């Protein structure tokens, strides 16, 4: 960034405070990829100083993410937006919290020289007389404060991820519709055609429902004909699942981070078709480089659990598929 006068620095800084929106880079590894939120990414310069990254335009933020090779999990850019004047997530609260946490500087429009400003957090706070930090507290944090009459540690507020959607969250109506897609069919060919139009995720939900709910309930209700129909549906669904899985380009398995060994659950090997939730669990993701059937042969897998991670698991016994 070329040197600018303090007058020009104050002018640029003021222009940021007047915007309706500012865009901020968020941390990937602490992101809640179920609900779509995260906290500000804290950069560390070569000299050890810590900084936040803010941008006046969304396209600047997205370009920064791409140019600096931030992880983009399942197409989700780690970019959030704040309203500068917002009482909780605005610039005053952000600056006050950053100063308390030892963040040395605020970098605005990094890499876009005509609109760039790198300033000390303390300087920015002094210029605009920013001092009030507001924090959203979880119920647990409120309960702990009440119980101990103590103070909650200062932390950044969670910020919504821009344009976030969660395609793996099914409504109750969607769930009912997918179950009815199975129960309403009167031939295996019609069921096959129906399943072919569903996504891999939807098929996983259906298999999860069949194995954990529908088939056990039919057995406990002593309905042998329904059990037979549902088990036939499950066999067909296993074949469809394997065909859909084979068409996927980005598949992952879980490994123990300490030993590097592939994780198994009761003899089942995990196969994940998204890495969106890779930082929300206890295990490490490993990309499957081989075609999935070749990979399963190589690791001598007899059974697999096809899953997105936190939602539904489709058990497949490979001996029962083609």
C-alpha atoms as a PDB file:
ATOM      1  CA  UNK A   1       0.000   0.000   0.000  1.00  0.00           C
ATOM      2  CA  UNK A   2       1.458   3.404  -0.971  1.00  0.00           C
ATOM      3  CA  UNK A   3       1.893   5.981   1.794  1.00  0.00           C
ATOM      4  CA  UNK A   4      -1.024   8.359   2.308  1.00  0.00           C
ATOM      5  CA  UNK A   5      -1.477  11.365   4.567  1.00  0.00           C
ATOM      6  CA  UNK A   6      -3.398  11.094   7.826  1.00  0.00           C
ATOM      7  CA  UNK A   7      -6.030  13.379   6.323  1.00  0.00           C
ATOM      8  CA  UNK A   8      -6.543  10.964   3.431  1.00  0.00           C
ATOM      9  CA  UNK A   9      -6.505   8.008   5.851  1.00  0.00           C
ATOM     10  CA  UNK A  10      -9.273   9.600   7.928  1.00  0.00           C
ATOM     11  CA  UNK A  11     -11.245  10.335   4.764  1.00  0.00           C
ATOM     12  CA  UNK A  12     -11.055   6.724   3.623  1.00  0.00           C
ATOM     13  CA  UNK A  13     -11.839   5.433   7.101  1.00  0.00           C
ATOM     14  CA  UNK A  14     -14.903   7.663   7.319  1.00  0.00           C
ATOM     15  CA  UNK A  15     -16.125   6.431   3.950  1.00  0.00           C
ATOM     16  CA  UNK A  16     -16.137   2.885   5.289  1.00  0.00           C
ATOM     17  CA  UNK A  17     -18.234   3.852   8.311  1.00  0.00           C
ATOM     18  CA  UNK A  18     -20.870   5.374   6.013  1.00  0.00           C
ATOM     19  CA  UNK A  19     -21.383   2.265   3.900  1.00  0.00           C
ATOM     20  CA  UNK A  20     -24.552   0.231   4.253  1.00  0.00           C
ATOM     21  CA  UNK A  21     -22.480  -2.954   4.215  1.00  0.00           C
ATOM     22  CA  UNK A  22     -18.917  -4.017   4.809  1.00  0.00           C
ATOM     23  CA  UNK A  23     -17.672  -7.466   3.877  1.00  0.00           C
ATOM     24  CA  UNK A  24     -15.391  -9.381   6.200  1.00  0.00           C
ATOM     25  CA  UNK A  25     -13.292 -12.516   5.754  1.00  0.00           C
ATOM     26  CA  UNK A  26     -14.387 -15.255   8.156  1.00  0.00           C
ATOM     27  CA  UNK A  27     -12.523 -18.196   9.604  1.00  0.00           C
ATOM     28  CA  UNK A  28     -13.161 -21.523   7.874  1.00  0.00           C
ATOM     29  CA  UNK A  29     -12.073 -23.936  10.587  1.00  0.00           C
ATOM     30  CA  UNK A  30     -14.486 -22.562  13.194  1.00  0.00           C
ATOM     31  CA  UNK A  31     -17.420 -22.037  10.847  1.00  0.00           C
ATOM     32  CA  UNK A  32     -20.846 -23.461  11.655  1.00  0.00           C
ATOM     33  CA  UNK A  33     -21.620 -24.993   8.274  1.00  0.00           C
ATOM     34  CA  UNK A  34     -25.017 -26.243   9.419  1.00  0.00           C
ATOM     35  CA  UNK A  35     -26.476 -22.851  10.291  1.00  0.00           C
ATOM     36  CA  UNK A  36     -24.114 -20.709   8.204  1.00  0.00           C
ATOM     37  CA  UNK A  37     -22.069 -18.479  10.488  1.00  0.00           C
ATOM     38  CA  UNK A  38     -18.518 -17.916  11.614  1.00  0.00           C
ATOM     39  CA  UNK A  39     -16.249 -15.409  13.335  1.00  0.00           C
ATOM     40  CA  UNK A  40     -13.735 -13.009  11.771  1.00  0.00           C
ATOM     41  CA  UNK A  41     -10.576 -14.515  10.340  1.00  0.00           C
ATOM     42  CA  UNK A  42      -7.510 -13.303  12.261  1.00  0.00           C
ATOM     43  CA  UNK A  43      -4.510 -12.915  10.001  1.00  0.00           C
ATOM     44  CA  UNK A  44      -0.963 -12.935  11.299  1.00  0.00           C
ATOM     45  CA  UNK A  45       1.672 -10.866   9.486  1.00  0.00           C
ATOM     46  CA  UNK A  46       5.332 -11.846   9.125  1.00  0.00           C
ATOM     47  CA  UNK A  47       6.168  -9.566  12.068  1.00  0.00           C
ATOM     48  CA  UNK A  48       3.596 -11.334  14.255  1.00  0.00           C
ATOM     49  CA  UNK A  49       1.011  -8.570  14.195  1.00  0.00           C
ATOM     50  CA  UNK A  50      -2.633  -9.667  14.022  1.00  0.00           C
ATOM     51  CA  UNK A  51      -5.162  -8.123  11.651  1.00  0.00           C
ATOM     52  CA  UNK A  52      -8.747  -8.361  10.383  1.00  0.00           C
ATOM     53  CA  UNK A  53      -9.705  -8.135   6.711  1.00  0.00           C
ATOM     54  CA  UNK A  54     -12.623  -5.943   5.622  1.00  0.00           C
ATOM     55  CA  UNK A  55     -13.794  -4.894   2.165  1.00  0.00           C
ATOM     56  CA  UNK A  56     -16.149  -2.275   0.800  1.00  0.00           C
ATOM     57  CA  UNK A  57     -17.386  -4.557  -1.985  1.00  0.00           C
ATOM     58  CA  UNK A  58     -18.315  -8.217  -2.031  1.00  0.00           C
ATOM     59  CA  UNK A  59     -16.375  -8.911  -5.207  1.00  0.00           C
ATOM     60  CA  UNK A  60     -13.208  -7.553  -3.535  1.00  0.00           C
ATOM     61  CA  UNK A  61     -13.658  -9.990  -0.638  1.00  0.00           C
ATOM     62  CA  UNK A  62     -14.327 -12.959  -2.927  1.00  0.00           C
ATOM     63  CA  UNK A  63     -11.305 -12.134  -5.085  1.00  0.00           C
ATOM     64  CA  UNK A  64      -9.135 -11.926  -1.967  1.00  0.00           C
ATOM     65  CA  UNK A  65     -10.336 -15.391  -0.907  1.00  0.00           C
ATOM     66  CA  UNK A  66      -9.493 -16.783  -4.339  1.00  0.00           C
ATOM     67  CA  UNK A  67      -6.147 -15.006  -4.714  1.00  0.00           C
ATOM     68  CA  UNK A  68      -4.969 -16.107  -1.266  1.00  0.00           C
ATOM     69  CA  UNK A  69      -6.280 -19.659  -1.668  1.00  0.00           C
ATOM     70  CA  UNK A  70      -8.613 -19.754   1.319  1.00  0.00           C
ATOM     71  CA  UNK A  71     -10.534 -22.997   1.633  1.00  0.00           C
ATOM     72  CA  UNK A  72     -13.908 -22.848  -0.108  1.00  0.00           C
ATOM     73  CA  UNK A  73     -15.836 -25.754   1.374  1.00  0.00           C
ATOM     74  CA  UNK A  74     -18.487 -27.123  -0.968  1.00  0.00           C
ATOM     75  CA  UNK A  75     -18.579 -23.805  -2.853  1.00  0.00           C
ATOM     76  CA  UNK A  76     -19.174 -21.713   0.288  1.00  0.00           C
ATOM     77  CA  UNK A  77     -16.954 -18.607   0.392  1.00  0.00           C
ATOM     78  CA  UNK A  78     -15.856 -17.603   3.937  1.00  0.00           C
ATOM     79  CA  UNK A  79     -17.237 -14.095   3.555  1.00  0.00           C
ATOM     80  CA  UNK A  80     -19.722 -12.341   5.823  1.00  0.00           C
ATOM     81  CA  UNK A  81     -21.274  -8.911   5.829  1.00  0.00           C
ATOM     82  CA  UNK A  82     -21.807  -6.398   8.611  1.00  0.00           C
ATOM     83  CA  UNK A  83     -23.710  -3.143   8.843  1.00  0.00           C
ATOM     84  CA  UNK A  84     -21.159  -0.591  10.117  1.00  0.00           C
ATOM     85  CA  UNK A  85     -23.734   1.087  12.352  1.00  0.00           C
ATOM     86  CA  UNK A  86     -25.173  -2.117  13.826  1.00  0.00           C
ATOM     87  CA  UNK A  87     -25.025  -2.041  17.632  1.00  0.00           C
ATOM     88  CA  UNK A  88     -23.816  -5.626  18.063  1.00  0.00           C
ATOM     89  CA  UNK A  89     -22.003  -6.579  14.872  1.00  0.00           C
ATOM     90  CA  UNK A  90     -21.129  -3.112  13.608  1.00  0.00           C
ATOM     91  CA  UNK A  91     -17.763  -1.399  13.345  1.00  0.00           C
ATOM     92  CA  UNK A  92     -17.732   0.025  16.875  1.00  0.00           C
ATOM     93  CA  UNK A  93     -18.299  -3.318  18.563  1.00  0.00           C
ATOM     94  CA  UNK A  94     -15.961  -5.104  16.140  1.00  0.00           C
ATOM     95  CA  UNK A  95     -13.203  -2.564  16.761  1.00  0.00           C
ATOM     96  CA  UNK A  96     -13.631  -2.596  20.548  1.00  0.00           C
ATOM     97  CA  UNK A  97     -13.572  -6.398  20.695  1.00  0.00           C
ATOM     98  CA  UNK A  98     -10.579  -6.540  18.326  1.00  0.00           C
ATOM     99  CA  UNK A  99      -8.650  -4.112  20.515  1.00  0.00           C
ATOM    100  CA  UNK A 100      -9.439  -6.141  23.655  1.00  0.00           C
ATOM    101  CA  UNK A 101      -8.308  -9.348  21.933  1.00  0.00           C
ATOM    102  CA  UNK A 102      -5.011  -7.812  20.872  1.00  0.00           C
ATOM    103  CA  UNK A 103      -5.774  -7.382  17.177  1.00  0.00           C
ATOM    104  CA  UNK A 104      -3.195  -4.863  15.997  1.00  0.00           C
ATOM    105  CA  UNK A 105      -4.742  -3.557  12.798  1.00  0.00           C
ATOM    106  CA  UNK A 106      -7.750  -3.388  10.516  1.00  0.00           C
ATOM    107  CA  UNK A 107      -7.016  -3.914   6.815  1.00  0.00           C
ATOM    108  CA  UNK A 108      -9.608  -2.449   4.477  1.00  0.00           C
ATOM    109  CA  UNK A 109      -9.652  -3.432   0.794  1.00  0.00           C
ATOM    110  CA  UNK A 110      -6.314  -5.249   0.949  1.00  0.00           C
ATOM    111  CA  UNK A 111      -4.882  -5.447  -2.569  1.00  0.00           C
ATOM    112  CA  UNK A 112      -7.065  -2.686  -4.046  1.00  0.00           C
ATOM    113  CA  UNK A 113      -4.698   0.268  -3.786  1.00  0.00           C
ATOM    114  CA  UNK A 114      -7.072   3.081  -4.709  1.00  0.00           C
ATOM    115  CA  UNK A 115      -9.403   2.181  -1.852  1.00  0.00           C
ATOM    116  CA  UNK A 116      -6.993   0.454   0.517  1.00  0.00           C
ATOM    117  CA  UNK A 117      -6.370   1.391   4.137  1.00  0.00           C
ATOM    118  CA  UNK A 118      -4.260  -0.403   6.717  1.00  0.00           C
ATOM    119  CA  UNK A 119      -4.619   1.217  10.090  1.00  0.00           C
ATOM    120  CA  UNK A 120      -3.924   0.429  13.721  1.00  0.00           C
ATOM    121  CA  UNK A 121      -6.972  -0.746  15.612  1.00  0.00           C
ATOM    122  CA  UNK A 122      -6.267   1.814  18.347  1.00  0.00           C
ATOM    123  CA  UNK A 123      -6.023   4.627  15.778  1.00  0.00           C
ATOM    124  CA  UNK A 124      -9.343   3.655  14.219  1.00  0.00           C
ATOM    125  CA  UNK A 125     -10.984   3.510  17.656  1.00  0.00           C
ATOM    126  CA  UNK A 126      -9.597   6.932  18.588  1.00  0.00           C
ATOM    127  CA  UNK A 127     -10.670   8.609  15.340  1.00  0.00           C
ATOM    128  CA  UNK A 128     -14.300   7.537  15.736  1.00  0.00           C
ATOM    129  CA  UNK A 129     -14.345   7.360  19.562  1.00  0.00           C
ATOM    130  CA  UNK A 130     -15.222   3.666  19.440  1.00  0.00           C
ATOM    131  CA  UNK A 131     -15.215   2.048  22.871  1.00  0.00           C
ATOM    132  CA  UNK A 132     -18.398  -0.011  23.361  1.00  0.00           C
ATOM    133  CA  UNK A 133     -18.172  -3.758  22.794  1.00  0.00           C
ATOM    134  CA  UNK A 134     -21.440  -5.672  22.523  1.00  0.00           C
ATOM    135  CA  UNK A 135     -21.477  -9.452  22.537  1.00  0.00           C
ATOM    136  CA  UNK A 136     -24.210 -11.961  21.845  1.00  0.00           C
ATOM    137  CA  UNK A 137     -24.232 -14.599  24.549  1.00  0.00           C
ATOM    138  CA  UNK A 138     -25.372 -18.182  24.312  1.00  0.00           C
ATOM    139  CA  UNK A 139     -27.751 -19.550  26.943  1.00  0.00           C
ATOM    140  CA  UNK A 140     -24.869 -21.502  28.485  1.00  0.00           C
ATOM    141  CA  UNK A 141     -22.787 -18.330  28.763  1.00  0.00           C
ATOM    142  CA  UNK A 142     -25.672 -16.474  30.413  1.00  0.00           C
ATOM    143  CA  UNK A 143     -26.217 -19.363  32.835  1.00  0.00           C
ATOM    144  CA  UNK A 144     -22.512 -19.442  33.718  1.00  0.00           C
ATOM    145  CA  UNK A 145     -22.477 -15.715  34.393  1.00  0.00           C
ATOM    146  CA  UNK A 146     -25.561 -16.012  36.578  1.00  0.00           C
ATOM    147  CA  UNK A 147     -24.178 -19.004  38.460  1.00  0.00           C
ATOM    148  CA  UNK A 148     -20.720 -17.614  39.085  1.00  0.00           C
ATOM    149  CA  UNK A 149     -21.436 -13.887  39.057  1.00  0.00           C
ATOM    150  CA  UNK A 150     -18.379 -13.701  36.847  1.00  0.00           C
ATOM    151  CA  UNK A 151     -17.466 -12.243  33.483  1.00  0.00           C
ATOM    152  CA  UNK A 152     -17.750 -13.990  30.157  1.00  0.00           C
ATOM    153  CA  UNK A 153     -14.515 -14.037  28.126  1.00  0.00           C
ATOM    154  CA  UNK A 154     -14.477 -11.440  25.354  1.00  0.00           C
ATOM    155  CA  UNK A 155     -15.035 -12.993  21.940  1.00  0.00           C
ATOM    156  CA  UNK A 156     -16.084 -11.934  18.456  1.00  0.00           C
ATOM    157  CA  UNK A 157     -19.740 -12.184  17.593  1.00  0.00           C
ATOM    158  CA  UNK A 158     -20.785 -14.805  15.108  1.00  0.00           C
ATOM    159  CA  UNK A 159     -21.429 -13.341  11.647  1.00  0.00           C
ATOM    160  CA  UNK A 160     -23.708 -14.916   9.015  1.00  0.00           C
ATOM    161  CA  UNK A 161     -21.952 -16.327   5.963  1.00  0.00           C
ATOM    162  CA  UNK A 162     -23.050 -14.456   2.873  1.00  0.00           C
ATOM    163  CA  UNK A 163     -25.481 -16.266   0.530  1.00  0.00           C
ATOM    164  CA  UNK A 164     -25.393 -19.348   2.739  1.00  0.00           C
ATOM    165  CA  UNK A 165     -27.815 -22.190   2.120  1.00  0.00           C
ATOM    166  CA  UNK A 166     -27.780 -25.687   3.545  1.00  0.00           C
ATOM    167  CA  UNK A 167     -28.971 -28.159   0.905  1.00  0.00           C
ATOM    168  CA  UNK A 168     -28.663 -30.993   3.413  1.00  0.00           C
ATOM    169  CA  UNK A 169     -31.373 -29.726   5.765  1.00  0.00           C
ATOM    170  CA  UNK A 170     -34.715 -31.305   4.844  1.00  0.00           C
ATOM    171  CA  UNK A 171     -38.043 -29.901   5.969  1.00  0.00           C
ATOM    172  CA  UNK A 172     -40.681 -32.226   7.423  1.00  0.00           C
ATOM    173  CA  UNK A 173     -42.665 -31.862   4.187  1.00  0.00           C
ATOM    174  CA  UNK A 174     -39.633 -32.931   2.116  1.00  0.00           C
ATOM    175  CA  UNK A 175     -39.065 -35.925   4.377  1.00  0.00           C
ATOM    176  CA  UNK A 176     -42.683 -37.046   4.095  1.00  0.00           C
ATOM    177  CA  UNK A 177     -42.544 -36.678   0.317  1.00  0.00           C
ATOM    178  CA  UNK A 178     -39.401 -38.821   0.033  1.00  0.00           C
ATOM    179  CA  UNK A 179     -40.888 -41.567   2.198  1.00  0.00           C
ATOM    180  CA  UNK A 180     -44.094 -41.505   0.151  1.00  0.00           C
ATOM    181  CA  UNK A 181     -41.999 -41.890  -2.993  1.00  0.00           C
ATOM    182  CA  UNK A 182     -41.200 -45.381  -1.714  1.00  0.00           C
ATOM    183  CA  UNK A 183     -44.496 -46.343  -0.099  1.00  0.00           C
ATOM    184  CA  UNK A 184     -46.646 -45.254  -3.037  1.00  0.00           C
ATOM    185  CA  UNK A 185     -44.896 -47.353  -5.703  1.00  0.00           C
ATOM    186  CA  UNK A 186     -46.480 -50.589  -6.933  1.00  0.00           C
ATOM    187  CA  UNK A 187     -43.549 -51.904  -8.959  1.00  0.00           C
ATOM    188  CA  UNK A 188     -39.786 -52.009  -8.617  1.00  0.00           C
ATOM    189  CA  UNK A 189     -39.320 -50.406 -12.032  1.00  0.00           C
ATOM    190  CA  UNK A 190     -41.447 -47.389 -11.059  1.00  0.00           C
ATOM    191  CA  UNK A 191     -39.511 -47.116  -7.806  1.00  0.00           C
ATOM    192  CA  UNK A 192     -36.206 -47.290  -9.684  1.00  0.00           C
ATOM    193  CA  UNK A 193     -37.284 -44.478 -12.007  1.00  0.00           C
ATOM    194  CA  UNK A 194     -38.379 -42.373  -9.028  1.00  0.00           C
ATOM    195  CA  UNK A 195     -35.092 -42.901  -7.193  1.00  0.00           C
ATOM    196  CA  UNK A 196     -33.044 -42.045 -10.270  1.00  0.00           C
ATOM    197  CA  UNK A 197     -34.541 -38.538 -10.201  1.00  0.00           C
ATOM    198  CA  UNK A 198     -33.593 -38.031  -6.553  1.00  0.00           C
ATOM    199  CA  UNK A 199     -30.247 -36.642  -5.418  1.00  0.00           C
ATOM    200  CA  UNK A 200     -27.652 -38.753  -3.668  1.00  0.00           C
ATOM    201  CA  UNK A 201     -28.459 -36.929  -0.442  1.00  0.00           C
ATOM    202  CA  UNK A 202     -32.189 -37.613  -0.787  1.00  0.00           C
ATOM    203  CA  UNK A 203     -31.491 -41.290  -1.437  1.00  0.00           C
ATOM    204  CA  UNK A 204     -29.334 -41.390   1.691  1.00  0.00           C
ATOM    205  CA  UNK A 205     -32.202 -39.963   3.728  1.00  0.00           C
ATOM    206  CA  UNK A 206     -34.545 -42.586   2.302  1.00  0.00           C
ATOM    207  CA  UNK A 207     -32.147 -45.425   3.114  1.00  0.00           C
ATOM    208  CA  UNK A 208     -31.626 -44.041   6.609  1.00  0.00           C
ATOM    209  CA  UNK A 209     -35.404 -43.965   7.094  1.00  0.00           C
ATOM    210  CA  UNK A 210     -35.846 -47.498   5.773  1.00  0.00           C
ATOM    211  CA  UNK A 211     -33.164 -49.051   7.969  1.00  0.00           C
ATOM    212  CA  UNK A 212     -33.734 -47.135  11.208  1.00  0.00           C
ATOM    213  CA  UNK A 213     -37.483 -46.538  11.126  1.00  0.00           C
ATOM    214  CA  UNK A 214     -39.713 -48.067   8.452  1.00  0.00           C
ATOM    215  CA  UNK A 215     -38.421 -51.659   8.387  1.00  0.00           C
ATOM    216  CA  UNK A 216     -38.007 -51.999  12.200  1.00  0.00           C
ATOM    217  CA  UNK A 217     -41.507 -50.557  12.753  1.00  0.00           C
ATOM    218  CA  UNK A 218     -43.033 -52.928  10.191  1.00  0.00           C
ATOM    219  CA  UNK A 219     -41.341 -55.881  11.908  1.00  0.00           C
ATOM    220  CA  UNK A 220     -42.484 -54.846  15.381  1.00  0.00           C
ATOM    221  CA  UNK A 221     -46.028 -54.390  14.050  1.00  0.00           C
ATOM    222  CA  UNK A 222     -45.930 -57.940  12.629  1.00  0.00           C
ATOM    223  CA  UNK A 223     -46.564 -56.884   9.026  1.00  0.00           C
ATOM    224  CA  UNK A 224     -44.562 -59.424   6.988  1.00  0.00           C
ATOM    225  CA  UNK A 225     -45.837 -58.256   3.595  1.00  0.00           C
ATOM    226  CA  UNK A 226     -44.816 -54.668   4.345  1.00  0.00           C
ATOM    227  CA  UNK A 227     -41.433 -55.864   5.632  1.00  0.00           C
ATOM    228  CA  UNK A 228     -40.863 -57.778   2.382  1.00  0.00           C
ATOM    229  CA  UNK A 229     -41.864 -54.765   0.284  1.00  0.00           C
ATOM    230  CA  UNK A 230     -39.571 -52.411   2.236  1.00  0.00           C
ATOM    231  CA  UNK A 231     -36.630 -54.818   2.126  1.00  0.00           C
ATOM    232  CA  UNK A 232     -37.073 -55.167  -1.638  1.00  0.00           C
ATOM    233  CA  UNK A 233     -37.105 -51.361  -1.865  1.00  0.00           C
ATOM    234  CA  UNK A 234     -33.926 -51.191   0.230  1.00  0.00           C
ATOM    235  CA  UNK A 235     -32.121 -53.677  -2.046  1.00  0.00           C
ATOM    236  CA  UNK A 236     -33.037 -51.614  -5.091  1.00  0.00           C
ATOM    237  CA  UNK A 237     -32.008 -48.420  -3.323  1.00  0.00           C
ATOM    238  CA  UNK A 238     -28.569 -49.880  -2.527  1.00  0.00           C
ATOM    239  CA  UNK A 239     -27.953 -50.397  -6.242  1.00  0.00           C
ATOM    240  CA  UNK A 240     -29.109 -46.868  -7.073  1.00  0.00           C
ATOM    241  CA  UNK A 241     -26.939 -45.446  -4.293  1.00  0.00           C
ATOM    242  CA  UNK A 242     -23.837 -47.200  -5.609  1.00  0.00           C
ATOM    243  CA  UNK A 243     -24.497 -45.955  -9.141  1.00  0.00           C
ATOM    244  CA  UNK A 244     -24.944 -42.393  -7.894  1.00  0.00           C
ATOM    245  CA  UNK A 245     -21.864 -42.667  -5.690  1.00  0.00           C
ATOM    246  CA  UNK A 246     -19.765 -43.887  -8.628  1.00  0.00           C
ATOM    247  CA  UNK A 247     -20.730 -40.763 -10.570  1.00  0.00           C
ATOM    248  CA  UNK A 248     -19.453 -38.408  -7.851  1.00  0.00           C
ATOM    249  CA  UNK A 249     -16.111 -36.696  -8.470  1.00  0.00           C
ATOM    250  CA  UNK A 250     -15.326 -35.528  -4.919  1.00  0.00           C
ATOM    251  CA  UNK A 251     -15.592 -38.253  -2.318  1.00  0.00           C
ATOM    252  CA  UNK A 252     -13.932 -38.542   1.071  1.00  0.00           C
ATOM    253  CA  UNK A 253     -13.390 -41.049   3.842  1.00  0.00           C
ATOM    254  CA  UNK A 254     -12.663 -40.526   7.531  1.00  0.00           C
ATOM    255  CA  UNK A 255      -9.303 -41.321   9.069  1.00  0.00           C
ATOM    256  CA  UNK A 256      -7.889 -41.245  12.572  1.00  0.00           C
ATOM    257  CA  UNK A 257      -5.755 -38.089  12.703  1.00  0.00           C
ATOM    258  CA  UNK A 258      -3.202 -39.732  15.010  1.00  0.00           C
ATOM    259  CA  UNK A 259      -2.690 -43.033  13.203  1.00  0.00           C
ATOM    260  CA  UNK A 260      -3.871 -42.198   9.684  1.00  0.00           C
ATOM    261  CA  UNK A 261      -5.910 -45.384   9.576  1.00  0.00           C
ATOM    262  CA  UNK A 262      -9.302 -45.438   7.905  1.00  0.00           C
ATOM    263  CA  UNK A 263     -12.104 -45.154  10.422  1.00  0.00           C
ATOM    264  CA  UNK A 264     -14.659 -47.927  10.647  1.00  0.00           C
ATOM    265  CA  UNK A 265     -17.916 -48.161  12.575  1.00  0.00           C
ATOM    266  CA  UNK A 266     -19.017 -51.704  13.309  1.00  0.00           C
ATOM    267  CA  UNK A 267     -17.270 -52.845  10.142  1.00  0.00           C
ATOM    268  CA  UNK A 268     -18.610 -49.997   7.993  1.00  0.00           C
ATOM    269  CA  UNK A 269     -16.218 -47.653   6.131  1.00  0.00           C
ATOM    270  CA  UNK A 270     -17.397 -44.034   5.868  1.00  0.00           C
ATOM    271  CA  UNK A 271     -17.855 -42.530   2.405  1.00  0.00           C
ATOM    272  CA  UNK A 272     -18.696 -38.826   2.402  1.00  0.00           C
ATOM    273  CA  UNK A 273     -19.855 -36.938  -0.682  1.00  0.00           C
ATOM    274  CA  UNK A 274     -19.167 -33.443   0.658  1.00  0.00           C
ATOM    275  CA  UNK A 275     -16.405 -31.865   2.747  1.00  0.00           C
ATOM    276  CA  UNK A 276     -18.648 -29.007   3.880  1.00  0.00           C
ATOM    277  CA  UNK A 277     -18.622 -30.221   7.484  1.00  0.00           C
ATOM    278  CA  UNK A 278     -15.003 -31.371   7.688  1.00  0.00           C
ATOM    279  CA  UNK A 279     -14.091 -29.073  10.595  1.00  0.00           C
ATOM    280  CA  UNK A 280     -17.201 -29.795  12.643  1.00  0.00           C
ATOM    281  CA  UNK A 281     -16.284 -33.330  13.670  1.00  0.00           C
ATOM    282  CA  UNK A 282     -13.534 -35.154  15.515  1.00  0.00           C
ATOM    283  CA  UNK A 283     -12.039 -36.994  12.551  1.00  0.00           C
ATOM    284  CA  UNK A 284      -9.904 -36.051   9.583  1.00  0.00           C
ATOM    285  CA  UNK A 285     -11.189 -36.150   6.005  1.00  0.00           C
ATOM    286  CA  UNK A 286      -9.137 -37.831   3.297  1.00  0.00           C
ATOM    287  CA  UNK A 287      -9.992 -37.346  -0.364  1.00  0.00           C
ATOM    288  CA  UNK A 288     -10.569 -40.570  -2.276  1.00  0.00           C
ATOM    289  CA  UNK A 289      -8.319 -40.385  -5.335  1.00  0.00           C
ATOM    290  CA  UNK A 290      -9.396 -43.688  -6.931  1.00  0.00           C
ATOM    291  CA  UNK A 291     -12.782 -44.481  -8.484  1.00  0.00           C
ATOM    292  CA  UNK A 292     -14.917 -45.360  -5.478  1.00  0.00           C
ATOM    293  CA  UNK A 293     -15.371 -49.042  -6.343  1.00  0.00           C
ATOM    294  CA  UNK A 294     -11.605 -49.414  -6.827  1.00  0.00           C
ATOM    295  CA  UNK A 295     -11.006 -47.678  -3.499  1.00  0.00           C
ATOM    296  CA  UNK A 296     -13.415 -50.020  -1.707  1.00  0.00           C
ATOM    297  CA  UNK A 297     -11.635 -53.019  -3.203  1.00  0.00           C
ATOM    298  CA  UNK A 298      -8.234 -51.631  -2.211  1.00  0.00           C
ATOM    299  CA  UNK A 299      -9.239 -51.165   1.437  1.00  0.00           C
ATOM    300  CA  UNK A 300     -11.128 -54.472   1.541  1.00  0.00           C
ATOM    301  CA  UNK A 301     -14.378 -52.770   2.537  1.00  0.00           C
ATOM    302  CA  UNK A 302     -17.333 -55.111   2.913  1.00  0.00           C
ATOM    303  CA  UNK A 303     -19.803 -52.500   4.113  1.00  0.00           C
ATOM    304  CA  UNK A 304     -20.010 -48.712   3.804  1.00  0.00           C
ATOM    305  CA  UNK A 305     -21.896 -45.808   5.332  1.00  0.00           C
ATOM    306  CA  UNK A 306     -22.684 -43.154   2.707  1.00  0.00           C
ATOM    307  CA  UNK A 307     -23.213 -39.815   4.410  1.00  0.00           C
ATOM    308  CA  UNK A 308     -22.880 -36.041   4.269  1.00  0.00           C
ATOM    309  CA  UNK A 309     -21.547 -36.080   7.850  1.00  0.00           C
ATOM    310  CA  UNK A 310     -23.973 -34.695  10.439  1.00  0.00           C
ATOM    311  CA  UNK A 311     -27.282 -35.701   8.880  1.00  0.00           C
ATOM    312  CA  UNK A 312     -28.197 -39.052   7.343  1.00  0.00           C
ATOM    313  CA  UNK A 313     -26.307 -42.312   6.941  1.00  0.00           C
ATOM    314  CA  UNK A 314     -27.085 -44.883   4.285  1.00  0.00           C
ATOM    315  CA  UNK A 315     -25.690 -48.314   5.188  1.00  0.00           C
ATOM    316  CA  UNK A 316     -24.770 -50.462   2.193  1.00  0.00           C
ATOM    317  CA  UNK A 317     -23.628 -54.063   2.404  1.00  0.00           C
ATOM    318  CA  UNK A 318     -21.533 -54.412  -0.755  1.00  0.00           C
ATOM    319  CA  UNK A 319     -22.283 -58.119  -0.955  1.00  0.00           C
ATOM    320  CA  UNK A 320     -25.902 -57.156  -1.686  1.00  0.00           C
ATOM    321  CA  UNK A 321     -25.065 -54.884  -4.627  1.00  0.00           C
ATOM    322  CA  UNK A 322     -23.932 -55.555  -8.153  1.00  0.00           C
END
